[in-house]
C-alpha atoms as a PDB file:
ATOM      1  CA  MET A   1      -9.640  24.081  12.928  1.00  0.00           C
ATOM      2  CA  SER A   2      -6.604  23.409  15.277  1.00  0.00           C
ATOM      3  CA  LYS A   3      -3.683  21.446  14.178  1.00  0.00           C
ATOM      4  CA  ILE A   4      -4.734  18.065  13.553  1.00  0.00           C
ATOM      5  CA  THR A   5      -2.540  15.438  16.064  1.00  0.00           C
ATOM      6  CA  PHE A   6      -0.951  11.868  15.812  1.00  0.00           C
ATOM      7  CA  ALA A   7       0.694   9.470  16.412  1.00  0.00           C
ATOM      8  CA  ILE A   8       2.403   6.809  14.458  1.00  0.00           C
ATOM      9  CA  VAL A   9       2.806   3.128  15.916  1.00  0.00           C
ATOM     10  CA  GLY A  10       5.982   1.819  14.053  1.00  0.00           C
ATOM     11  CA  LEU A  11       9.202   3.712  13.143  1.00  0.00           C
ATOM     12  CA  GLY A  12      10.861   1.898  10.997  1.00  0.00           C
ATOM     13  CA  HIS A  13      11.491   3.065   7.475  1.00  0.00           C
ATOM     14  CA  ILE A  14       7.816   3.930   6.635  1.00  0.00           C
ATOM     15  CA  GLY A  15       6.898   5.285   9.956  1.00  0.00           C
ATOM     16  CA  LYS A  16       9.979   7.871  10.258  1.00  0.00           C
ATOM     17  CA  ARG A  17       8.258   8.627   6.240  1.00  0.00           C
ATOM     18  CA  TYR A  18       4.755   9.310   8.160  1.00  0.00           C
ATOM     19  CA  ALA A  19       6.882  11.699  11.472  1.00  0.00           C
ATOM     20  CA  ASP A  20       9.091  13.534   8.789  1.00  0.00           C
ATOM     21  CA  LEU A  21       5.661  14.471   6.530  1.00  0.00           C
ATOM     22  CA  ILE A  22       3.687  15.479   9.392  1.00  0.00           C
ATOM     23  CA  GLN A  23       6.400  17.269  11.369  1.00  0.00           C
ATOM     24  CA  SER A  24       6.765  19.545   7.894  1.00  0.00           C
ATOM     25  CA  ARG A  25       3.343  20.194   8.628  1.00  0.00           C
ATOM     26  CA  GLU A  26       1.130  24.043   9.945  1.00  0.00           C
ATOM     27  CA  ASP A  27      -1.898  22.145  10.410  1.00  0.00           C
ATOM     28  CA  ALA A  28      -0.955  19.136  12.401  1.00  0.00           C
ATOM     29  CA  GLN A  29       1.730  17.701  14.576  1.00  0.00           C
ATOM     30  CA  ILE A  30       2.687  14.564  16.247  1.00  0.00           C
ATOM     31  CA  SER A  31       1.653  13.908  19.727  1.00  0.00           C
ATOM     32  CA  ALA A  32       3.460  10.462  20.783  1.00  0.00           C
ATOM     33  CA  LEU A  33       5.308   7.777  19.045  1.00  0.00           C
ATOM     34  CA  VAL A  34       5.006   3.835  19.621  1.00  0.00           C
ATOM     35  CA  GLU A  35       8.610   1.668  18.857  1.00  0.00           C
ATOM     36  CA  ILE A  36       9.107  -1.444  20.094  1.00  0.00           C
ATOM     37  CA  ASN A  37      13.118  -1.022  20.024  1.00  0.00           C
ATOM     38  CA  VAL A  38      13.856   0.722  22.941  1.00  0.00           C
ATOM     39  CA  ASP A  39      17.650   1.599  21.860  1.00  0.00           C
ATOM     40  CA  LEU A  40      15.518   4.331  19.846  1.00  0.00           C
ATOM     41  CA  HIS A  41      13.390   6.496  22.210  1.00  0.00           C
ATOM     42  CA  SER A  42      15.956   8.672  22.967  1.00  0.00           C
ATOM     43  CA  SER A  43      17.006  10.193  19.205  1.00  0.00           C
ATOM     44  CA  LEU A  44      13.006   9.329  17.897  1.00  0.00           C
ATOM     45  CA  ASN A  45      12.458  12.202  21.200  1.00  0.00           C
ATOM     46  CA  HIS A  46      15.072  14.203  20.350  1.00  0.00           C
ATOM     47  CA  ALA A  47      13.936  14.189  16.420  1.00  0.00           C
ATOM     48  CA  TYR A  48      10.248  14.488  17.086  1.00  0.00           C
ATOM     49  CA  HIS A  49       9.876  16.240  20.532  1.00  0.00           C
ATOM     50  CA  CYS A  50       7.009  14.110  21.832  1.00  0.00           C
ATOM     51  CA  PRO A  51       6.919  11.080  24.484  1.00  0.00           C
ATOM     52  CA  VAL A  52       7.828   7.796  22.529  1.00  0.00           C
ATOM     53  CA  TYR A  53       6.103   4.697  23.944  1.00  0.00           C
ATOM     54  CA  SER A  54       6.963   0.941  24.159  1.00  0.00           C
ATOM     55  CA  ASP A  55       3.725  -0.118  24.308  1.00  0.00           C
ATOM     56  CA  THR A  56       0.893   0.694  22.182  1.00  0.00           C
ATOM     57  CA  HIS A  57      -1.440   0.652  25.523  1.00  0.00           C
ATOM     58  CA  GLU A  58       0.966   3.270  27.148  1.00  0.00           C
ATOM     59  CA  LEU A  59      -0.585   5.372  24.434  1.00  0.00           C
ATOM     60  CA  LEU A  60      -3.536   5.709  26.222  1.00  0.00           C
ATOM     61  CA  LYS A  61      -2.411   8.632  28.644  1.00  0.00           C
ATOM     62  CA  HIS A  62      -2.511  10.569  25.409  1.00  0.00           C
ATOM     63  CA  LEU A  63      -6.167   9.697  24.230  1.00  0.00           C
ATOM     64  CA  GLY A  64      -7.879  12.553  24.647  1.00  0.00           C
ATOM     65  CA  SER A  65      -4.930  14.543  22.469  1.00  0.00           C
ATOM     66  CA  ILE A  66      -4.750  12.007  19.576  1.00  0.00           C
ATOM     67  CA  ASP A  67      -6.644  12.798  16.259  1.00  0.00           C
ATOM     68  CA  VAL A  68      -5.060   9.634  14.438  1.00  0.00           C
ATOM     69  CA  VAL A  69      -3.193   6.837  14.553  1.00  0.00           C
ATOM     70  CA  CYS A  70      -0.495   6.033  11.831  1.00  0.00           C
ATOM     71  CA  ILE A  71      -0.037   2.229  11.795  1.00  0.00           C
ATOM     72  CA  ALA A  72       3.429   0.852   9.739  1.00  0.00           C
ATOM     73  CA  THR A  73       4.045  -2.123  12.109  1.00  0.00           C
ATOM     74  CA  PRO A  74       4.394  -5.584  11.059  1.00  0.00           C
ATOM     75  CA  ASN A  75       1.399  -6.804   9.105  1.00  0.00           C
ATOM     76  CA  TYR A  76       0.303  -9.379  11.029  1.00  0.00           C
ATOM     77  CA  LEU A  77      -0.230  -6.470  13.591  1.00  0.00           C
ATOM     78  CA  HIS A  78      -2.300  -3.824  11.377  1.00  0.00           C
ATOM     79  CA  CYS A  79      -5.769  -5.355  11.851  1.00  0.00           C
ATOM     80  CA  GLU A  80      -5.514  -5.570  16.127  1.00  0.00           C
ATOM     81  CA  GLN A  81      -3.636  -2.326  16.456  1.00  0.00           C
ATOM     82  CA  ALA A  82      -6.560  -1.135  14.625  1.00  0.00           C
ATOM     83  CA  THR A  83      -9.120  -2.551  16.152  1.00  0.00           C
ATOM     84  CA  PHE A  84      -7.909  -1.240  19.551  1.00  0.00           C
ATOM     85  CA  PHE A  85      -7.156   2.336  18.252  1.00  0.00           C
ATOM     86  CA  LEU A  86     -10.724   2.960  16.949  1.00  0.00           C
ATOM     87  CA  ASN A  87     -12.230   1.162  20.103  1.00  0.00           C
ATOM     88  CA  GLN A  88     -10.748   4.366  21.384  1.00  0.00           C
ATOM     89  CA  GLY A  89     -12.318   6.820  19.659  1.00  0.00           C
ATOM     90  CA  ILE A  90      -9.720   7.199  16.907  1.00  0.00           C
ATOM     91  CA  HIS A  91      -9.523   7.586  13.983  1.00  0.00           C
ATOM     92  CA  VAL A  92      -6.603   4.805  11.470  1.00  0.00           C
ATOM     93  CA  VAL A  93      -4.191   4.891   8.691  1.00  0.00           C
ATOM     94  CA  ILE A  94      -3.224   1.584   8.002  1.00  0.00           C
ATOM     95  CA  GLU A  95       0.128   0.997   5.823  1.00  0.00           C
ATOM     96  CA  LYS A  96      -0.628  -1.917   3.291  1.00  0.00           C
ATOM     97  CA  PRO A  97      -1.958  -4.470   3.415  1.00  0.00           C
ATOM     98  CA  MET A  98      -4.387  -3.351   5.375  1.00  0.00           C
ATOM     99  CA  GLY A  99      -4.347  -7.327   6.953  1.00  0.00           C
ATOM    100  CA  LEU A 100      -3.986 -10.429   5.883  1.00  0.00           C
ATOM    101  CA  THR A 101      -7.177 -11.891   6.006  1.00  0.00           C
ATOM    102  CA  SER A 102     -10.396 -10.241   4.379  1.00  0.00           C
ATOM    103  CA  GLN A 103     -12.234 -11.520   8.023  1.00  0.00           C
ATOM    104  CA  ASP A 104      -9.809  -9.921  10.465  1.00  0.00           C
ATOM    105  CA  CYS A 105     -10.070  -6.468   8.019  1.00  0.00           C
ATOM    106  CA  GLN A 106     -14.209  -6.944   8.065  1.00  0.00           C
ATOM    107  CA  LEU A 107     -13.927  -7.021  11.595  1.00  0.00           C
ATOM    108  CA  VAL A 108     -11.822  -3.615  11.446  1.00  0.00           C
ATOM    109  CA  ILE A 109     -14.888  -2.120   9.267  1.00  0.00           C
ATOM    110  CA  ASP A 110     -17.023  -2.703  11.868  1.00  0.00           C
ATOM    111  CA  LYS A 111     -15.620  -1.597  14.246  1.00  0.00           C
ATOM    112  CA  ALA A 112     -15.160   1.709  12.826  1.00  0.00           C
ATOM    113  CA  LYS A 113     -18.552   1.845  12.069  1.00  0.00           C
ATOM    114  CA  SER A 114     -19.762   1.448  15.265  1.00  0.00           C
ATOM    115  CA  ASN A 115     -17.009   3.730  16.778  1.00  0.00           C
ATOM    116  CA  ASN A 116     -18.386   6.353  13.738  1.00  0.00           C
ATOM    117  CA  ARG A 117     -14.328   6.653  13.154  1.00  0.00           C
ATOM    118  CA  ASN A 118     -12.898   6.828   9.211  1.00  0.00           C
ATOM    119  CA  VAL A 119     -10.189   4.394   8.103  1.00  0.00           C
ATOM    120  CA  PHE A 120      -7.376   4.979   6.153  1.00  0.00           C
ATOM    121  CA  CYS A 121      -6.151   2.517   3.511  1.00  0.00           C
ATOM    122  CA  VAL A 122      -2.296   3.232   2.106  1.00  0.00           C
ATOM    123  CA  MET A 123      -2.533   2.816  -1.378  1.00  0.00           C
ATOM    124  CA  GLN A 124      -0.151   5.255  -2.361  1.00  0.00           C
ATOM    125  CA  ASN A 125       0.527   3.971  -5.915  1.00  0.00           C
ATOM    126  CA  ARG A 126      -2.808   6.018  -7.330  1.00  0.00           C
ATOM    127  CA  TYR A 127      -1.640   8.852  -7.089  1.00  0.00           C
ATOM    128  CA  SER A 128       1.045   8.444  -9.380  1.00  0.00           C
ATOM    129  CA  PRO A 129       0.245  10.804 -12.534  1.00  0.00           C
ATOM    130  CA  PRO A 130       0.711   7.367 -14.783  1.00  0.00           C
ATOM    131  CA  SER A 131      -1.637   5.815 -12.391  1.00  0.00           C
ATOM    132  CA  SER A 132      -4.262   8.115 -12.306  1.00  0.00           C
ATOM    133  CA  TRP A 133      -3.960   8.758 -16.156  1.00  0.00           C
ATOM    134  CA  LEU A 134      -4.831   5.280 -16.712  1.00  0.00           C
ATOM    135  CA  LYS A 135      -8.066   4.782 -14.546  1.00  0.00           C
ATOM    136  CA  SER A 136      -9.294   7.963 -16.380  1.00  0.00           C
ATOM    137  CA  ILE A 137      -8.990   6.403 -19.957  1.00  0.00           C
ATOM    138  CA  VAL A 138     -10.404   3.595 -19.095  1.00  0.00           C
ATOM    139  CA  GLU A 139     -13.534   5.111 -17.037  1.00  0.00           C
ATOM    140  CA  THR A 140     -13.858   7.137 -20.483  1.00  0.00           C
ATOM    141  CA  ASP A 141     -14.212   4.163 -22.875  1.00  0.00           C
ATOM    142  CA  LEU A 142     -10.880   5.711 -24.586  1.00  0.00           C
ATOM    143  CA  LEU A 143      -9.730   2.141 -25.191  1.00  0.00           C
ATOM    144  CA  GLY A 144     -13.047   0.616 -25.914  1.00  0.00           C
ATOM    145  CA  SER A 145     -12.941  -2.804 -24.898  1.00  0.00           C
ATOM    146  CA  ILE A 146     -10.168  -4.373 -22.690  1.00  0.00           C
ATOM    147  CA  TYR A 147      -9.499  -7.331 -23.834  1.00  0.00           C
ATOM    148  CA  HIS A 148      -6.343  -8.257 -22.311  1.00  0.00           C
ATOM    149  CA  VAL A 149      -4.113  -6.997 -19.604  1.00  0.00           C
ATOM    150  CA  GLN A 150      -0.920  -7.916 -18.522  1.00  0.00           C
ATOM    151  CA  ILE A 151       0.895  -6.472 -14.755  1.00  0.00           C
ATOM    152  CA  ASN A 152       4.686  -7.868 -14.307  1.00  0.00           C
ATOM    153  CA  CYS A 153       6.408  -6.914 -10.926  1.00  0.00           C
ATOM    154  CA  PHE A 154      10.097  -7.979 -10.893  1.00  0.00           C
ATOM    155  CA  TRP A 155      12.085  -6.543  -8.017  1.00  0.00           C
ATOM    156  CA  ASN A 156      15.177  -6.740  -6.342  1.00  0.00           C
ATOM    157  CA  ARG A 157      14.360  -8.701  -2.349  1.00  0.00           C
ATOM    158  CA  ASP A 158      17.207 -10.431  -1.279  1.00  0.00           C
ATOM    159  CA  ASN A 159      18.775 -11.984   2.016  1.00  0.00           C
ATOM    160  CA  ARG A 160      19.365  -8.095   2.574  1.00  0.00           C
ATOM    161  CA  TYR A 161      16.258  -7.300   2.515  1.00  0.00           C
ATOM    162  CA  TYR A 162      15.342 -10.276   4.952  1.00  0.00           C
ATOM    163  CA  GLN A 163      18.153 -10.132   7.425  1.00  0.00           C
ATOM    164  CA  ASN A 164      17.826  -8.659  11.443  1.00  0.00           C
ATOM    165  CA  THR A 165      13.498  -9.030  10.858  1.00  0.00           C
ATOM    166  CA  SER A 166      12.225 -11.160  13.036  1.00  0.00           C
ATOM    167  CA  TRP A 167       8.522 -11.677  10.673  1.00  0.00           C
ATOM    168  CA  LYS A 168       9.438 -10.932   6.952  1.00  0.00           C
ATOM    169  CA  GLY A 169       9.453 -13.952   5.194  1.00  0.00           C
ATOM    170  CA  LYS A 170       7.491 -15.477   7.817  1.00  0.00           C
ATOM    171  CA  LYS A 171       3.719 -17.013   6.496  1.00  0.00           C
ATOM    172  CA  GLN A 172       2.489 -15.979   9.952  1.00  0.00           C
ATOM    173  CA  THR A 173       3.444 -12.646  10.070  1.00  0.00           C
ATOM    174  CA  ASP A 174       4.729 -11.252   6.285  1.00  0.00           C
ATOM    175  CA  GLY A 175       1.940 -13.592   4.606  1.00  0.00           C
ATOM    176  CA  GLY A 176       3.578 -13.380   1.725  1.00  0.00           C
ATOM    177  CA  THR A 177       5.004 -11.891  -1.292  1.00  0.00           C
ATOM    178  CA  LEU A 178       1.866 -10.476  -2.693  1.00  0.00           C
ATOM    179  CA  TYR A 179       0.852  -8.722   0.144  1.00  0.00           C
ATOM    180  CA  THR A 180       3.915  -7.349   1.292  1.00  0.00           C
ATOM    181  CA  GLN A 181       5.433  -6.270  -2.286  1.00  0.00           C
ATOM    182  CA  PHE A 182       3.555  -6.736  -4.655  1.00  0.00           C
ATOM    183  CA  SER A 183      -0.449  -5.378  -3.047  1.00  0.00           C
ATOM    184  CA  HIS A 184      -0.385  -2.049  -4.258  1.00  0.00           C
ATOM    185  CA  PHE A 185      -0.103  -3.615  -8.067  1.00  0.00           C
ATOM    186  CA  VAL A 186      -3.135  -5.171  -6.915  1.00  0.00           C
ATOM    187  CA  ASP A 187      -5.201  -2.279  -5.783  1.00  0.00           C
ATOM    188  CA  THR A 188      -3.578  -0.943  -9.332  1.00  0.00           C
ATOM    189  CA  LEU A 189      -5.729  -3.612 -11.258  1.00  0.00           C
ATOM    190  CA  TYR A 190      -8.540  -3.858  -8.742  1.00  0.00           C
ATOM    191  CA  TRP A 191      -9.523   0.325  -8.568  1.00  0.00           C
ATOM    192  CA  VAL A 192      -8.490   0.327 -12.431  1.00  0.00           C
ATOM    193  CA  PHE A 193     -10.442  -2.749 -14.010  1.00  0.00           C
ATOM    194  CA  GLY A 194     -12.687  -3.886 -10.875  1.00  0.00           C
ATOM    195  CA  ASP A 195     -12.787  -7.255  -9.484  1.00  0.00           C
ATOM    196  CA  ILE A 196     -11.858 -10.220 -11.197  1.00  0.00           C
ATOM    197  CA  ASN A 197     -11.900 -14.379 -11.197  1.00  0.00           C
ATOM    198  CA  ASN A 198     -11.759 -17.540 -12.923  1.00  0.00           C
ATOM    199  CA  VAL A 199      -8.230 -17.160 -11.182  1.00  0.00           C
ATOM    200  CA  GLN A 200      -5.704 -19.704 -11.705  1.00  0.00           C
ATOM    201  CA  SER A 201      -2.051 -19.322 -10.118  1.00  0.00           C
ATOM    202  CA  ARG A 202       1.020 -21.142  -9.868  1.00  0.00           C
ATOM    203  CA  PHE A 203       4.246 -20.393  -7.161  1.00  0.00           C
ATOM    204  CA  TYR A 204       7.601 -20.736  -7.088  1.00  0.00           C
ATOM    205  CA  ASN A 205      10.609 -20.533  -4.356  1.00  0.00           C
ATOM    206  CA  TYR A 206      13.986 -20.046  -6.681  1.00  0.00           C
ATOM    207  CA  ASN A 207      16.782 -18.461  -4.365  1.00  0.00           C
ATOM    208  CA  HIS A 208      14.817 -17.804  -0.951  1.00  0.00           C
ATOM    209  CA  LYS A 209      14.064 -21.232   0.863  1.00  0.00           C
ATOM    210  CA  GLU A 210      16.807 -20.257   3.593  1.00  0.00           C
ATOM    211  CA  SER A 211      14.931 -16.883   4.090  1.00  0.00           C
ATOM    212  CA  ILE A 212      11.199 -17.224   3.114  1.00  0.00           C
ATOM    213  CA  ASP A 213       8.251 -19.521   4.409  1.00  0.00           C
ATOM    214  CA  PHE A 214       6.281 -19.135   0.124  1.00  0.00           C
ATOM    215  CA  GLU A 215       6.601 -18.101  -3.149  1.00  0.00           C
ATOM    216  CA  ASP A 216       9.319 -15.658  -4.547  1.00  0.00           C
ATOM    217  CA  THR A 217       7.967 -15.601  -8.064  1.00  0.00           C
ATOM    218  CA  GLY A 218       4.343 -16.231  -9.370  1.00  0.00           C
ATOM    219  CA  LEU A 219       2.260 -16.711 -12.574  1.00  0.00           C
ATOM    220  CA  ILE A 220      -1.595 -16.261 -12.176  1.00  0.00           C
ATOM    221  CA  ASN A 221      -4.117 -15.739 -14.553  1.00  0.00           C
ATOM    222  CA  PHE A 222      -7.407 -14.317 -14.517  1.00  0.00           C
ATOM    223  CA  ASP A 223     -10.669 -13.515 -16.341  1.00  0.00           C
ATOM    224  CA  LEU A 224     -11.825  -9.574 -15.643  1.00  0.00           C
ATOM    225  CA  ILE A 225     -15.443  -9.420 -14.876  1.00  0.00           C
ATOM    226  CA  ASN A 226     -16.231  -6.448 -16.512  1.00  0.00           C
ATOM    227  CA  GLY A 227     -14.518  -8.129 -19.401  1.00  0.00           C
ATOM    228  CA  GLY A 228     -11.467  -9.105 -20.610  1.00  0.00           C
ATOM    229  CA  SER A 229      -7.842 -11.480 -18.907  1.00  0.00           C
ATOM    230  CA  GLY A 230      -5.659 -10.444 -17.523  1.00  0.00           C
ATOM    231  CA  THR A 231      -2.428 -12.206 -15.907  1.00  0.00           C
ATOM    232  CA  ILE A 232       0.474 -11.306 -13.078  1.00  0.00           C
ATOM    233  CA  SER A 233       3.994 -12.248 -13.593  1.00  0.00           C
ATOM    234  CA  TYR A 234       5.788 -11.605 -10.735  1.00  0.00           C
ATOM    235  CA  SER A 235       8.931 -11.935  -8.741  1.00  0.00           C
ATOM    236  CA  THR A 236      11.453 -10.681  -5.819  1.00  0.00           C
ATOM    237  CA  SER A 237      14.344 -13.364  -7.532  1.00  0.00           C
ATOM    238  CA  VAL A 238      16.251 -10.064  -9.823  1.00  0.00           C
ATOM    239  CA  TRP A 239      19.314  -9.812  -9.030  1.00  0.00           C
ATOM    240  CA  ASN A 240      20.706  -6.625  -6.838  1.00  0.00           C
ATOM    241  CA  LYS A 241      17.847  -3.746  -7.739  1.00  0.00           C
ATOM    242  CA  ASN A 242      14.744  -3.966  -8.925  1.00  0.00           C
ATOM    243  CA  LEU A 243      13.894  -4.416 -12.837  1.00  0.00           C
ATOM    244  CA  GLU A 244      10.479  -3.899 -13.259  1.00  0.00           C
ATOM    245  CA  SER A 245       7.154  -2.868 -12.561  1.00  0.00           C
ATOM    246  CA  SER A 246       4.435  -2.354 -15.616  1.00  0.00           C
ATOM    247  CA  ILE A 247       1.631  -2.475 -16.358  1.00  0.00           C
ATOM    248  CA  THR A 248      -0.205  -3.621 -20.711  1.00  0.00           C
ATOM    249  CA  ILE A 249      -3.392  -2.728 -22.067  1.00  0.00           C
ATOM    250  CA  ILE A 250      -4.545  -4.011 -25.304  1.00  0.00           C
ATOM    251  CA  GLY A 251      -8.350  -2.720 -25.876  1.00  0.00           C
ATOM    252  CA  GLU A 252     -10.357  -2.131 -28.708  1.00  0.00           C
ATOM    253  CA  LYS A 253      -9.011   1.225 -29.810  1.00  0.00           C
ATOM    254  CA  GLY A 254      -5.609   1.140 -28.548  1.00  0.00           C
ATOM    255  CA  SER A 255      -3.213  -0.165 -26.379  1.00  0.00           C
ATOM    256  CA  VAL A 256      -0.877   1.239 -23.989  1.00  0.00           C
ATOM    257  CA  LYS A 257       1.929   0.294 -21.423  1.00  0.00           C
ATOM    258  CA  VAL A 258       3.089   2.271 -18.085  1.00  0.00           C
ATOM    259  CA  GLY A 259       6.582   0.887 -16.557  1.00  0.00           C
ATOM    260  CA  GLY A 260       9.549   1.826 -15.329  1.00  0.00           C
ATOM    261  CA  GLN A 261      10.902   0.225 -11.781  1.00  0.00           C
ATOM    262  CA  TYR A 262       7.802   1.406 -10.587  1.00  0.00           C
ATOM    263  CA  MET A 263       5.175   1.420 -13.218  1.00  0.00           C
ATOM    264  CA  ASP A 264       6.139   5.161 -13.229  1.00  0.00           C
ATOM    265  CA  LYS A 265       6.360   6.042 -16.599  1.00  0.00           C
ATOM    266  CA  VAL A 266       4.178   5.670 -19.888  1.00  0.00           C
ATOM    267  CA  LEU A 267       6.209   3.912 -22.455  1.00  0.00           C
ATOM    268  CA  TYR A 268       3.668   3.374 -24.957  1.00  0.00           C
ATOM    269  CA  CYS A 269       0.547   4.937 -26.446  1.00  0.00           C
ATOM    270  CA  ASP A 270      -1.411   4.255 -29.287  1.00  0.00           C
ATOM    271  CA  ILE A 271      -5.223   4.917 -28.841  1.00  0.00           C
ATOM    272  CA  GLU A 272      -7.765   6.050 -31.826  1.00  0.00           C
ATOM    273  CA  ASN A 273      -7.950   9.859 -32.180  1.00  0.00           C
ATOM    274  CA  TYR A 274      -5.529  10.219 -29.050  1.00  0.00           C
ATOM    275  CA  VAL A 275      -3.218  12.875 -28.427  1.00  0.00           C
ATOM    276  CA  MET A 276      -1.032  12.024 -25.531  1.00  0.00           C
ATOM    277  CA  PRO A 277      -0.751  14.563 -23.013  1.00  0.00           C
ATOM    278  CA  LEU A 278       2.649  15.524 -20.675  1.00  0.00           C
ATOM    279  CA  LEU A 279       1.552  14.458 -17.436  1.00  0.00           C
ATOM    280  CA  PRO A 280       3.676  15.742 -14.357  1.00  0.00           C
ATOM    281  CA  GLU A 281       6.148  13.477 -13.357  1.00  0.00           C
ATOM    282  CA  THR A 282       6.539  10.804 -10.820  1.00  0.00           C
ATOM    283  CA  ASN A 283       7.636  10.951  -7.326  1.00  0.00           C
ATOM    284  CA  ALA A 284      10.832   9.352  -7.069  1.00  0.00           C
ATOM    285  CA  ALA A 285      10.865   5.604  -5.141  1.00  0.00           C
ATOM    286  CA  ASN A 286      11.328   4.872  -1.844  1.00  0.00           C
ATOM    287  CA  ASP A 287      14.724   4.563  -0.942  1.00  0.00           C
ATOM    288  CA  TYR A 288      15.374   1.939   1.907  1.00  0.00           C
ATOM    289  CA  GLY A 289      19.491   2.188   1.249  1.00  0.00           C
ATOM    290  CA  ASP A 290      20.100  -1.847   0.080  1.00  0.00           C
ATOM    291  CA  TYR A 291      16.440  -1.783  -1.797  1.00  0.00           C
ATOM    292  CA  LYS A 292      14.234   0.264  -3.232  1.00  0.00           C
ATOM    293  CA  GLY A 293      10.022   0.269  -2.842  1.00  0.00           C
ATOM    294  CA  SER A 294       7.136   1.967  -4.722  1.00  0.00           C
ATOM    295  CA  ALA A 295       6.434   6.073  -5.288  1.00  0.00           C
ATOM    296  CA  ALA A 296       7.215   8.135  -2.147  1.00  0.00           C
ATOM    297  CA  ASN A 297       3.646   9.621  -1.839  1.00  0.00           C
ATOM    298  CA  HIS A 298       2.550   9.236   1.259  1.00  0.00           C
ATOM    299  CA  GLN A 299       2.563  13.288   2.098  1.00  0.00           C
ATOM    300  CA  TYR A 300      -0.301  12.528  -0.785  1.00  0.00           C
ATOM    301  CA  VAL A 301      -2.513  10.306   2.331  1.00  0.00           C
ATOM    302  CA  ILE A 302      -1.610  12.224   5.201  1.00  0.00           C
ATOM    303  CA  GLN A 303      -3.418  15.255   2.791  1.00  0.00           C
ATOM    304  CA  ASN A 304      -5.984  13.205   2.162  1.00  0.00           C
ATOM    305  CA  VAL A 305      -6.113  12.360   6.301  1.00  0.00           C
ATOM    306  CA  ILE A 306      -6.078  15.830   7.136  1.00  0.00           C
ATOM    307  CA  ASP A 307      -8.744  16.956   4.808  1.00  0.00           C
ATOM    308  CA  VAL A 308     -11.430  14.042   5.549  1.00  0.00           C
ATOM    309  CA  LEU A 309     -11.187  15.063   9.295  1.00  0.00           C
ATOM    310  CA  LYS A 310     -11.662  19.124   8.279  1.00  0.00           C
ATOM    311  CA  GLY A 311     -14.558  17.855   5.948  1.00  0.00           C
ATOM    312  CA  VAL A 312     -13.079  19.275   2.508  1.00  0.00           C
ATOM    313  CA  ASP A 313     -13.142  15.819   0.864  1.00  0.00           C
ATOM    314  CA  GLY A 314     -13.997  11.985   0.376  1.00  0.00           C
ATOM    315  CA  ILE A 315     -11.684   9.216   1.718  1.00  0.00           C
ATOM    316  CA  LYS A 316      -9.135   8.473  -1.351  1.00  0.00           C
ATOM    317  CA  THR A 317      -8.760   4.649  -0.252  1.00  0.00           C
ATOM    318  CA  SER A 318     -11.861   2.950   1.989  1.00  0.00           C
ATOM    319  CA  ALA A 319     -11.315   0.324   4.116  1.00  0.00           C
ATOM    320  CA  GLU A 320     -13.483  -1.907   1.751  1.00  0.00           C
ATOM    321  CA  GLU A 321     -10.954  -1.078  -0.776  1.00  0.00           C
ATOM    322  CA  GLY A 322      -8.427  -2.316   1.441  1.00  0.00           C
ATOM    323  CA  MET A 323     -10.425  -4.728   2.263  1.00  0.00           C
ATOM    324  CA  LYS A 324     -10.987  -5.864  -1.251  1.00  0.00           C
ATOM    325  CA  VAL A 325      -7.405  -5.519  -2.019  1.00  0.00           C
ATOM    326  CA  VAL A 326      -6.403  -8.540   0.243  1.00  0.00           C
ATOM    327  CA  GLU A 327      -9.602 -10.343  -0.340  1.00  0.00           C
ATOM    328  CA  ILE A 328      -7.893 -10.853  -4.283  1.00  0.00           C
ATOM    329  CA  ILE A 329      -5.155 -11.930  -2.662  1.00  0.00           C
ATOM    330  CA  GLU A 330      -6.134 -14.528  -0.917  1.00  0.00           C
ATOM    331  CA  ARG A 331      -8.227 -16.069  -3.837  1.00  0.00           C
ATOM    332  CA  ILE A 332      -4.868 -15.814  -5.666  1.00  0.00           C
ATOM    333  CA  TYR A 333      -3.409 -17.681  -2.725  1.00  0.00           C
ATOM    334  CA  ASN A 334      -5.971 -20.375  -2.508  1.00  0.00           C
ATOM    335  CA  SER A 335      -6.340 -20.623  -6.452  1.00  0.00           C
END
């Protein structure tokens, strides 16, 4: 099969990571880039050897040579741009979050079905070995009944993160801390344990009053529909650097904790008649200079896109799952 051709919309940190990953592959190539900052066009053209445009509509000049568009733009643009490209008959990869409302996400799903195209939602934490291991021990019932799940996400996002940007920290364009910082961990909760209900939440803004329209700290209590209770505690008010991303599970037949800065290490495992296997090493966190994010697993996302289009695999994170994460976050905020 010929190379899978990609266009990338939004050449910030993540967009450039997509570009580097695609450029390094022999079975894929970059056909075009879209970046609103025209000052970057010359360097982008030199680095990736393809046309660079400042507007998504200009990509239509390359309509016949694009299989997939990777959308790595501000949160509020994801669904609008995904719908636009699906209507052109192009598959789309959507960075987290899929959208800011489940209603908008449903419109994307409807467009994908009517145009017979695929939507790939990016929840790259699923590819981290500790996450895959957690899902396997829950699915195989090694822990028995689940009694309690606790997720802690304590990160640093100070003024360095919000300065020189027009959309981060704004309710209408960013959405909130759970959308931009911690949707990966809401996805882990849903992916491993299923849906939640009886949600009760409290939100605070301690030290970001000048930079964001929403909370920097949240406390969430809920029940797991499949049994058990849970909590999420999170904050972006940690001084200087990220502190912790962890999940603790207390079950009938054992307890486990995956932690570290990015939920990347098994810190505790005590399960009846079970020997903890040696897991592959987790990839390093995405490094954005002044701050860091979750594990750098986007290569697996690109691999999945190529495998699906070649007909050798299924989508690892479907649009329906991406919408479900958004819907859970909506319910948390509305509670």
